[in-house]
Amino acid sequence: MKRLSILIAFFVCVPSFAAGLKLTSYDGERYSVMDPAYAGAGQLTSTSDYYYDFYPFEKMLTLSITEYLGDGNGGEYPAPYDSVCNYAGITFDNMFDMLEFGDDALRATVADLKSQFNDYTLSEFGLTYEQFESILGSWDNISEYEDYIAEFFSSQNLTQDVLALKYTLRNIATQTQTITFNRMKNSTGRNGGDVIANRPSVWAQSVYSHAKKTGYNDFVSDGYGIALGSDGYIIDKLLLGAGYSYNMGQVNSTVSDGDLEIHNLFAYGQYSLNDFYINAIAGYMSSDYKFVGGEKELEGSTLYANLNVGYNTDILSPEFGLRYANTSFDIRDKYINSIDDSSVMTVVSGLYYEYELAERGFSISAHGHMTYDVVNSADDLSLSVGHINIHNEHEDDVAPLGVELGAGLQFDVGNVVLGIRYELAKRSDFTAHMGVFNLKYNF
């Protein structure tokens, strides 16, 4: 009796509404209202065949019920009509309270409708019911679901793009540091040839790089760069220099492709004390990543620094260093408001080898270093979105432990120094190759 009386109390007549996604649940149970033996003619005795047609995006529900009426002789018969109730403003949040039947059958009906909606969101968006619900924040926002879903996928895609760009920029910064430290050599007072204090050198180089990441958020990047700079010994033991490089290339990620431009300005120096030497470099990179075929543009600003200490021997020179890089992002996208900064601190340790034939103006060098990220703030990435804040937590599947290997040849012809190098950086699921051609002139 309670079931029907509350149904009538909350009955609302509304105009017909446009059909969108419709979820249908059926309850075939027979619910008694009154014993037909005591019912008068035409009096409601029971109900059955509850059809729930729920339109979640319109927040509307139609409930159709078959009623049974007493015939006045102790029997009953189905009414020649269906009782139809239309509910407005109904969502998964308030459905149970608005219908307010309060029995297990209604709970089963709501669960069935949620299960159907889960199948829909999985097929359309690749999201479970819980994920869809968390994106909306409240089912009162269901009418704006298209904006929310667009924001969600824009943020998900952008997360992968940001991660790809993070590795690419980190790789460029590492390349700059590795090439510069190789150029400075060790503490013997040579920097690509005998250098006299107060007599500078100028250099130019071209770089080709290729990087590939597999596994989660896989991408491939290819780039080409040119650089110019000058350095010289201010005193016998102190070398200072500065350089500028321009890099351009493509980054092809899982979700999008883009063209990347990087401007890189850096300063460096070396101080030698007997057989000990200290190398240092600091730089700033400005990057612009334009998505192919879209209006989005991702800009990055990277500050990086590296301090390296080594001891020169006749054969192998042990080295130990610390790298740091921080990248801030600025996105031009109608959905994304802001992106958290990404920073990484890496310990570097290894050996440097050089063999020189001075009489022939020829030398060969090689190095091997182990690297380990002691800090990596980009393991969690937060995006501030128009309607909602999405915190994308992911496990960085690139291991913090890595290895870097390199080898090069150098030829001295008078005041001109020519060099060629190959560098390899390897981590789990991430590999970077670099080829360098260097030209230097000692005044």
Protein backbone atom coordinates (compact mmCIF):
# COMPACT_ATOMS: atom_id res chain seq x y z
CA MET A 1 0.00 0.00 0.00
CA LYS A 2 2.87 2.32 0.82
CA ARG A 3 4.41 1.72 -2.57
CA LEU A 4 1.47 3.01 -4.50
CA SER A 5 0.50 5.88 -2.22
CA ILE A 6 3.97 7.44 -2.44
CA LEU A 7 4.03 6.92 -6.17
CA ILE A 8 0.82 8.92 -6.49
CA ALA A 9 2.13 11.61 -4.13
CA PHE A 10 5.19 12.20 -6.30
CA PHE A 11 3.44 11.91 -9.64
CA VAL A 12 4.39 14.77 -11.97
CA CYS A 13 2.99 15.40 -15.40
CA VAL A 14 5.51 16.95 -17.80
CA PRO A 15 5.49 17.60 -21.54
CA SER A 16 7.03 15.05 -23.84
CA PHE A 17 10.81 15.38 -24.07
CA ALA A 18 13.28 14.73 -26.83
CA ALA A 19 14.60 11.18 -26.77
CA GLY A 20 18.32 10.83 -26.15
CA LEU A 21 20.06 7.88 -24.56
CA LYS A 22 17.32 5.67 -23.08
CA LEU A 23 17.96 3.04 -20.43
CA THR A 24 15.15 0.60 -19.73
CA SER A 25 14.61 -1.64 -16.72
CA TYR A 26 11.68 -3.98 -16.12
CA ASP A 27 10.19 -5.21 -12.84
CA GLY A 28 7.58 -7.93 -13.40
CA GLU A 29 6.66 -8.51 -9.79
CA ARG A 30 3.02 -8.31 -8.71
CA TYR A 31 2.46 -5.93 -5.79
CA SER A 32 -0.73 -6.23 -3.75
CA VAL A 33 -2.59 -3.13 -2.68
CA MET A 34 -5.87 -4.64 -1.44
CA ASP A 35 -7.44 -8.04 -1.21
CA PRO A 36 -9.87 -8.26 -4.15
CA ALA A 37 -12.41 -9.91 -1.82
CA TYR A 38 -12.78 -6.60 -0.02
CA ALA A 39 -12.41 -4.28 -3.00
CA GLY A 40 -15.26 -2.50 -4.62
CA ALA A 41 -15.77 -2.38 -8.37
CA GLY A 42 -13.04 -0.37 -10.07
CA GLN A 43 -10.94 -0.10 -6.90
CA LEU A 44 -7.18 -0.60 -7.21
CA THR A 45 -6.15 -4.02 -5.94
CA SER A 46 -2.59 -4.55 -7.24
CA THR A 47 0.10 -3.34 -9.65
CA SER A 48 2.59 -5.09 -11.91
CA ASP A 49 4.87 -4.73 -14.96
CA TYR A 50 6.92 -1.70 -13.93
CA TYR A 51 8.78 -0.31 -16.97
CA TYR A 52 11.42 2.32 -16.17
CA ASP A 53 12.58 4.38 -19.18
CA PHE A 54 15.40 6.59 -17.96
CA TYR A 55 16.94 9.40 -20.06
CA PRO A 56 20.09 10.27 -18.05
CA PHE A 57 21.29 13.19 -20.15
CA GLU A 58 17.86 14.86 -20.05
CA LYS A 59 17.46 13.94 -16.36
CA MET A 60 14.00 12.50 -17.02
CA LEU A 61 12.32 9.18 -16.27
CA THR A 62 9.08 7.63 -17.46
CA LEU A 63 7.48 4.92 -15.34
CA SER A 64 4.73 2.78 -16.86
CA ILE A 65 2.66 0.51 -14.58
CA THR A 66 -0.11 -1.99 -15.18
CA GLU A 67 -2.90 -1.62 -12.61
CA TYR A 68 -5.42 -4.25 -11.54
CA LEU A 69 -8.94 -3.26 -10.43
CA GLY A 70 -11.49 -5.08 -8.36
CA ASP A 71 -14.64 -6.32 -10.14
CA GLY A 72 -16.84 -6.08 -7.01
CA ASN A 73 -17.27 -9.85 -6.87
CA GLY A 74 -13.98 -10.77 -5.19
CA GLY A 75 -11.99 -10.86 -8.40
CA GLU A 76 -9.78 -8.40 -10.30
CA TYR A 77 -8.92 -7.50 -13.86
CA PRO A 78 -6.20 -5.45 -15.61
CA ALA A 79 -7.17 -1.84 -16.08
CA PRO A 80 -7.87 -0.84 -19.69
CA TYR A 81 -5.10 1.76 -19.44
CA ASP A 82 -1.49 2.06 -18.33
CA SER A 83 -0.58 4.38 -15.49
CA VAL A 84 2.27 6.56 -16.76
CA CYS A 85 4.35 8.86 -14.55
CA ASN A 86 6.93 11.32 -15.84
CA TYR A 87 9.69 12.56 -13.53
CA ALA A 88 11.78 15.64 -14.24
CA GLY A 89 15.19 16.51 -12.76
CA ILE A 90 15.96 12.92 -11.84
CA THR A 91 19.54 11.61 -11.72
CA PHE A 92 21.39 8.61 -10.35
CA ASP A 93 22.04 10.66 -7.22
CA ASN A 94 18.40 11.34 -6.37
CA MET A 95 16.55 8.55 -8.18
CA PHE A 96 15.96 6.39 -5.13
CA ASP A 97 14.73 9.30 -3.00
CA MET A 98 12.46 10.74 -5.71
CA LEU A 99 10.78 7.41 -6.45
CA GLU A 100 10.90 6.60 -2.73
CA PHE A 101 9.47 3.13 -2.95
CA GLY A 102 12.03 1.94 -0.44
CA ASP A 103 12.24 -1.73 -1.32
CA ASP A 104 14.81 -4.12 -2.65
CA ALA A 105 13.14 -4.23 -6.06
CA LEU A 106 13.79 -0.53 -6.61
CA ARG A 107 17.40 -0.94 -5.50
CA ALA A 108 17.79 -3.69 -8.07
CA THR A 109 16.24 -1.43 -10.71
CA VAL A 110 18.62 1.44 -9.96
CA ALA A 111 21.57 -0.97 -10.02
CA ASP A 112 20.39 -2.32 -13.39
CA LEU A 113 20.16 1.20 -14.86
CA LYS A 114 23.65 2.02 -13.56
CA SER A 115 25.00 -1.18 -15.11
CA GLN A 116 23.49 -0.24 -18.48
CA PHE A 117 24.95 3.25 -18.20
CA ASN A 118 28.33 1.73 -17.36
CA ASP A 119 28.17 -0.31 -20.58
CA TYR A 120 27.34 2.87 -22.49
CA THR A 121 30.19 4.97 -21.04
CA LEU A 122 32.65 2.12 -21.64
CA SER A 123 31.64 1.77 -25.28
CA GLU A 124 31.44 5.51 -26.01
CA PHE A 125 34.18 7.01 -23.84
CA GLY A 126 36.21 4.10 -22.52
CA LEU A 127 35.20 5.12 -18.99
CA THR A 128 33.58 3.12 -16.23
CA TYR A 129 30.52 4.39 -14.39
CA GLU A 130 32.72 5.42 -11.44
CA GLN A 131 35.16 7.30 -13.69
CA PHE A 132 32.32 9.09 -15.48
CA GLU A 133 30.77 10.00 -12.14
CA SER A 134 34.05 11.34 -10.77
CA ILE A 135 34.51 13.53 -13.85
CA LEU A 136 31.07 15.08 -13.47
CA GLY A 137 31.58 15.68 -9.77
CA SER A 138 27.78 15.77 -9.40
CA TRP A 139 25.04 14.21 -11.50
CA ASP A 140 23.38 17.62 -11.49
CA ASN A 141 25.97 18.43 -14.19
CA ILE A 142 24.89 15.61 -16.49
CA SER A 143 23.27 17.99 -19.00
CA GLU A 144 26.74 19.47 -19.63
CA TYR A 145 28.37 16.07 -19.99
CA GLU A 146 29.73 16.87 -23.47
CA ASP A 147 31.85 19.70 -22.06
CA TYR A 148 33.00 17.56 -19.17
CA ILE A 149 33.93 14.62 -21.37
CA ALA A 150 35.69 16.91 -23.85
CA GLU A 151 37.63 18.44 -20.96
CA PHE A 152 38.49 15.02 -19.60
CA PHE A 153 39.82 13.64 -22.86
CA SER A 154 41.61 16.88 -23.63
CA SER A 155 43.34 16.63 -20.26
CA GLN A 156 44.10 12.92 -20.70
CA ASN A 157 45.62 13.49 -24.14
CA LEU A 158 47.50 16.53 -22.96
CA THR A 159 48.92 14.54 -20.06
CA GLN A 160 50.58 12.19 -22.53
CA ASP A 161 51.78 15.09 -24.68
CA VAL A 162 53.28 16.82 -21.64
CA LEU A 163 55.07 13.63 -20.61
CA ALA A 164 56.49 13.20 -24.12
CA LEU A 165 57.62 16.81 -24.17
CA LYS A 166 59.11 16.46 -20.68
CA TYR A 167 61.39 13.62 -21.80
CA THR A 168 62.30 15.42 -25.01
CA LEU A 169 63.29 18.65 -23.23
CA ARG A 170 65.17 16.72 -20.57
CA ASN A 171 67.07 14.91 -23.33
CA ILE A 172 68.01 18.20 -25.05
CA ALA A 173 69.25 19.64 -21.74
CA THR A 174 71.31 16.50 -21.10
CA GLN A 175 72.76 16.66 -24.61
CA THR A 176 73.84 20.25 -24.07
CA GLN A 177 75.57 19.40 -20.81
CA THR A 178 77.27 16.27 -22.16
CA ILE A 179 78.58 17.97 -25.29
CA THR A 180 79.83 20.98 -23.34
CA PHE A 181 81.63 18.88 -20.73
CA ASN A 182 83.27 16.82 -23.47
CA ARG A 183 84.43 20.02 -25.09
CA MET A 184 85.98 21.36 -21.91
CA LYS A 185 88.00 18.18 -21.46
CA ASN A 186 89.98 17.94 -18.23
CA SER A 187 92.30 20.04 -16.12
CA THR A 188 95.47 19.81 -18.22
CA GLY A 189 94.93 23.31 -19.59
CA ARG A 190 93.64 22.08 -22.93
CA ASN A 191 90.20 22.76 -24.33
CA GLY A 192 90.23 21.29 -27.80
CA GLY A 193 93.86 22.24 -28.34
CA ASP A 194 96.47 24.23 -26.41
CA VAL A 195 94.92 27.47 -25.21
CA ILE A 196 96.74 30.48 -23.84
CA ALA A 197 95.07 32.67 -21.23
CA ASN A 198 93.21 35.72 -22.60
CA ARG A 199 93.11 34.17 -26.09
CA PRO A 200 89.55 32.99 -26.78
CA SER A 201 88.17 30.27 -28.99
CA VAL A 202 84.99 30.20 -31.03
CA TRP A 203 83.08 27.06 -31.92
CA ALA A 204 80.13 25.84 -33.93
CA GLN A 205 78.42 22.48 -33.94
CA SER A 206 75.57 20.56 -35.50
CA VAL A 207 73.59 17.92 -33.64
CA TYR A 208 71.18 15.20 -34.74
CA SER A 209 69.13 13.39 -32.12
CA HIS A 210 66.65 10.54 -32.08
CA ALA A 211 64.75 9.37 -29.01
CA LYS A 212 62.18 6.64 -28.53
CA LYS A 213 60.03 5.66 -25.60
CA THR A 214 58.03 2.44 -25.48
CA GLY A 215 55.43 1.19 -23.04
CA TYR A 216 53.00 3.68 -21.51
CA ASN A 217 52.82 6.96 -23.40
CA ASP A 218 55.16 5.81 -26.14
CA PHE A 219 56.57 8.43 -28.49
CA VAL A 220 59.32 9.05 -31.02
CA SER A 221 61.20 12.32 -31.41
CA ASP A 222 63.65 13.41 -34.07
CA GLY A 223 65.54 16.67 -33.99
CA TYR A 224 68.30 18.68 -35.55
CA GLY A 225 70.17 21.55 -33.96
CA ILE A 226 72.92 24.03 -34.54
CA ALA A 227 74.93 25.89 -31.90
CA LEU A 228 77.46 28.70 -31.68
CA GLY A 229 79.62 29.83 -28.82
CA SER A 230 82.91 31.10 -27.49
CA ASP A 231 85.13 30.29 -24.53
CA GLY A 232 88.58 30.95 -23.23
CA TYR A 233 90.85 30.74 -20.21
CA ILE A 234 90.57 33.88 -18.12
CA ILE A 235 93.54 32.59 -16.15
CA ASP A 236 95.49 29.39 -16.59
CA LYS A 237 93.15 27.38 -14.41
CA LEU A 238 89.78 29.01 -15.15
CA LEU A 239 87.86 28.63 -18.39
CA LEU A 240 84.59 30.47 -19.04
CA GLY A 241 82.28 30.25 -22.02
CA ALA A 242 78.77 30.79 -23.34
CA GLY A 243 76.71 29.40 -26.18
CA TYR A 244 73.38 29.44 -27.97
CA SER A 245 71.66 26.61 -29.77
CA TYR A 246 68.56 26.31 -31.89
CA ASN A 247 66.82 22.96 -32.15
CA MET A 248 63.86 21.92 -34.24
CA GLY A 249 62.14 18.61 -34.72
CA GLN A 250 59.04 16.49 -34.42
CA VAL A 251 57.50 14.59 -31.52
CA ASN A 252 55.07 11.84 -32.47
CA SER A 253 53.22 10.57 -29.40
CA THR A 254 50.42 8.09 -28.84
CA VAL A 255 47.69 10.70 -29.15
CA SER A 256 49.08 13.47 -31.33
CA ASP A 257 51.97 14.74 -33.42
CA GLY A 258 53.67 18.09 -33.10
CA ASP A 259 56.49 20.31 -34.30
CA LEU A 260 58.97 21.46 -31.69
CA GLU A 261 61.25 24.52 -31.66
CA ILE A 262 63.77 25.16 -28.89
CA HIS A 263 65.96 28.18 -28.16
CA ASN A 264 68.72 27.35 -25.70
CA LEU A 265 71.08 29.82 -24.03
CA PHE A 266 73.76 28.56 -21.66
CA ALA A 267 76.97 29.51 -19.85
CA TYR A 268 79.67 27.15 -18.63
CA GLY A 269 83.05 27.03 -16.97
CA GLN A 270 85.85 24.82 -15.72
CA TYR A 271 88.24 25.29 -12.84
CA SER A 272 91.25 23.02 -12.48
CA LEU A 273 93.42 22.50 -9.44
CA ASN A 274 96.34 20.18 -10.08
CA ASP A 275 94.66 16.94 -11.19
CA PHE A 276 91.21 17.89 -9.93
CA TYR A 277 88.73 19.73 -12.11
CA ILE A 278 85.25 21.16 -11.63
CA ASN A 279 82.90 21.60 -14.58
CA ALA A 280 79.70 23.64 -14.34
CA ILE A 281 76.95 24.67 -16.72
CA ALA A 282 73.65 26.52 -16.38
CA GLY A 283 71.12 27.28 -19.07
CA TYR A 284 67.63 28.34 -20.06
CA MET A 285 65.53 26.75 -22.80
CA SER A 286 62.38 28.19 -24.33
CA SER A 287 60.34 25.64 -26.27
CA ASP A 288 57.26 25.86 -28.47
CA TYR A 289 55.32 22.70 -29.31
CA LYS A 290 52.63 23.12 -31.98
CA PHE A 291 50.15 20.28 -32.42
CA VAL A 292 49.71 19.14 -36.01
CA GLY A 293 46.18 19.73 -37.32
CA GLY A 294 44.95 21.43 -34.18
CA GLU A 295 44.74 24.76 -32.41
CA LYS A 296 46.57 23.71 -29.26
CA GLU A 297 50.04 25.01 -28.54
CA LEU A 298 52.20 23.96 -25.61
CA GLU A 299 55.00 26.22 -24.46
CA GLY A 300 57.74 25.21 -22.05
CA SER A 301 60.43 27.05 -20.13
CA THR A 302 63.30 24.96 -18.78
CA LEU A 303 66.01 25.95 -16.32
CA TYR A 304 68.85 23.47 -15.94
CA ALA A 305 72.22 23.22 -14.24
CA ASN A 306 74.98 20.67 -13.79
CA LEU A 307 77.97 20.53 -11.48
CA ASN A 308 80.61 17.89 -12.21
CA VAL A 309 83.80 17.04 -10.30
CA GLY A 310 86.57 14.85 -11.69
CA TYR A 311 90.11 13.68 -11.12
CA ASN A 312 92.50 13.45 -14.04
CA THR A 313 94.73 10.39 -14.42
CA ASP A 314 96.86 9.16 -17.28
CA ILE A 315 94.24 6.61 -18.33
CA LEU A 316 90.80 6.96 -16.72
CA SER A 317 89.32 9.99 -15.03
CA PRO A 318 86.56 9.29 -12.46
CA GLU A 319 83.76 11.84 -12.38
CA PHE A 320 80.81 12.59 -10.14
CA GLY A 321 78.09 15.14 -10.75
CA LEU A 322 74.60 16.42 -10.02
CA ARG A 323 72.07 17.60 -12.61
CA TYR A 324 68.89 19.57 -12.11
CA ALA A 325 66.17 20.64 -14.52
CA ASN A 326 62.81 22.35 -14.00
CA THR A 327 60.24 22.85 -16.74
CA SER A 328 57.10 24.98 -16.50
CA PHE A 329 54.35 24.63 -19.09
CA ASP A 330 51.87 27.04 -20.60
CA ILE A 331 49.05 25.61 -22.70
CA ARG A 332 46.89 27.36 -25.27
CA ASP A 333 43.78 25.20 -25.06
CA LYS A 334 40.15 26.13 -24.38
CA TYR A 335 39.80 23.45 -21.72
CA ILE A 336 43.09 23.46 -19.81
CA ASN A 337 43.88 26.32 -17.44
CA SER A 338 47.27 25.32 -16.05
CA ILE A 339 49.79 22.48 -15.72
CA ASP A 340 52.06 21.74 -12.79
CA ASP A 341 55.80 22.27 -13.15
CA SER A 342 58.06 19.28 -13.74
CA SER A 343 61.44 18.99 -12.03
CA VAL A 344 64.11 16.29 -11.85
CA MET A 345 67.41 15.95 -10.00
CA THR A 346 69.89 13.34 -11.21
CA VAL A 347 73.11 11.96 -9.75
CA VAL A 348 75.78 11.17 -12.37
CA SER A 349 78.88 9.05 -11.83
CA GLY A 350 81.32 7.50 -14.29
CA LEU A 351 84.67 7.40 -16.03
CA TYR A 352 86.23 9.50 -18.81
CA TYR A 353 89.01 8.21 -21.08
CA GLU A 354 91.19 10.04 -23.59
CA TYR A 355 94.07 8.87 -25.76
CA GLU A 356 96.08 11.47 -27.66
CA LEU A 357 98.67 11.32 -30.42
CA ALA A 358 99.98 14.86 -30.07
CA GLU A 359 102.47 14.59 -32.93
CA ARG A 360 99.64 13.72 -35.30
CA GLY A 361 97.08 16.12 -33.88
CA PHE A 362 94.70 13.27 -33.23
CA SER A 363 92.85 12.12 -30.11
CA ILE A 364 90.09 9.71 -29.23
CA SER A 365 87.90 9.83 -26.12
CA ALA A 366 85.16 7.79 -24.52
CA HIS A 367 83.08 7.87 -21.39
CA GLY A 368 80.63 5.75 -19.47
CA HIS A 369 78.31 7.11 -16.76
CA MET A 370 75.56 5.77 -14.57
CA THR A 371 72.67 8.11 -13.77
CA TYR A 372 69.97 7.96 -11.11
CA ASP A 373 67.02 10.29 -10.58
CA VAL A 374 66.85 11.09 -6.89
CA VAL A 375 63.92 13.53 -7.38
CA ASN A 376 61.28 13.45 -10.10
CA SER A 377 58.24 15.59 -9.38
CA ALA A 378 56.57 14.69 -12.67
CA ASP A 379 55.49 11.28 -11.38
CA ASP A 380 52.15 12.99 -10.62
CA LEU A 381 50.82 15.51 -13.09
CA SER A 382 48.01 17.94 -12.27
CA LEU A 383 45.96 19.79 -14.86
CA SER A 384 43.56 22.57 -13.93
CA VAL A 385 40.52 22.26 -16.18
CA GLY A 386 37.65 24.70 -16.78
CA HIS A 387 34.89 22.97 -14.80
CA ILE A 388 36.92 20.55 -12.75
CA ASN A 389 40.42 19.88 -11.45
CA ILE A 390 41.87 16.61 -12.70
CA HIS A 391 44.84 15.11 -10.92
CA ASN A 392 46.44 12.53 -13.19
CA GLU A 393 48.50 10.15 -11.12
CA HIS A 394 50.69 7.78 -13.07
CA GLU A 395 53.66 5.59 -12.45
CA ASP A 396 56.58 6.77 -14.50
CA ASP A 397 57.54 3.58 -16.30
CA VAL A 398 60.97 4.96 -17.18
CA ALA A 399 63.29 3.68 -14.45
CA PRO A 400 65.29 6.25 -12.46
CA LEU A 401 68.47 4.27 -13.16
CA GLY A 402 70.15 4.82 -16.53
CA VAL A 403 73.42 4.56 -18.40
CA GLU A 404 75.12 7.03 -20.75
CA LEU A 405 77.90 6.06 -23.14
CA GLY A 406 79.81 8.11 -25.68
CA ALA A 407 82.87 8.15 -27.93
CA GLY A 408 84.51 10.71 -30.17
CA LEU A 409 87.35 11.54 -32.53
CA GLN A 410 89.16 14.89 -32.68
CA PHE A 411 91.60 16.29 -35.23
CA ASP A 412 93.77 19.38 -34.71
CA VAL A 413 94.85 21.17 -37.88
CA GLY A 414 96.73 24.29 -36.89
CA ASN A 415 94.30 26.49 -34.98
CA VAL A 416 91.31 24.55 -36.22
CA VAL A 417 89.84 21.64 -34.28
CA LEU A 418 87.40 19.20 -35.88
CA GLY A 419 85.48 16.70 -33.83
CA ILE A 420 82.79 14.06 -34.24
CA ARG A 421 80.96 12.26 -31.42
CA TYR A 422 78.24 9.72 -30.76
CA GLU A 423 76.26 9.64 -27.51
CA LEU A 424 73.81 7.03 -26.20
CA ALA A 425 71.46 7.43 -23.21
CA LYS A 426 69.55 4.33 -22.13
CA ARG A 427 66.90 3.62 -19.54
CA SER A 428 64.14 1.06 -19.35
CA ASP A 429 61.71 1.82 -22.19
CA PHE A 430 63.67 4.94 -23.21
CA THR A 431 66.60 5.25 -25.62
CA ALA A 432 68.22 8.41 -27.00
CA HIS A 433 70.88 8.65 -29.72
CA MET A 434 72.90 11.74 -30.57
CA GLY A 435 75.43 12.53 -33.26
CA VAL A 436 77.59 15.67 -33.05
CA PHE A 437 79.92 17.41 -35.47
CA ASN A 438 82.05 20.13 -33.89
CA LEU A 439 84.23 22.86 -35.42
CA LYS A 440 86.44 25.08 -33.29
CA TYR A 441 88.95 27.83 -33.93
CA ASN A 442 91.58 28.82 -31.36
CA PHE A 443 92.85 32.38 -31.71
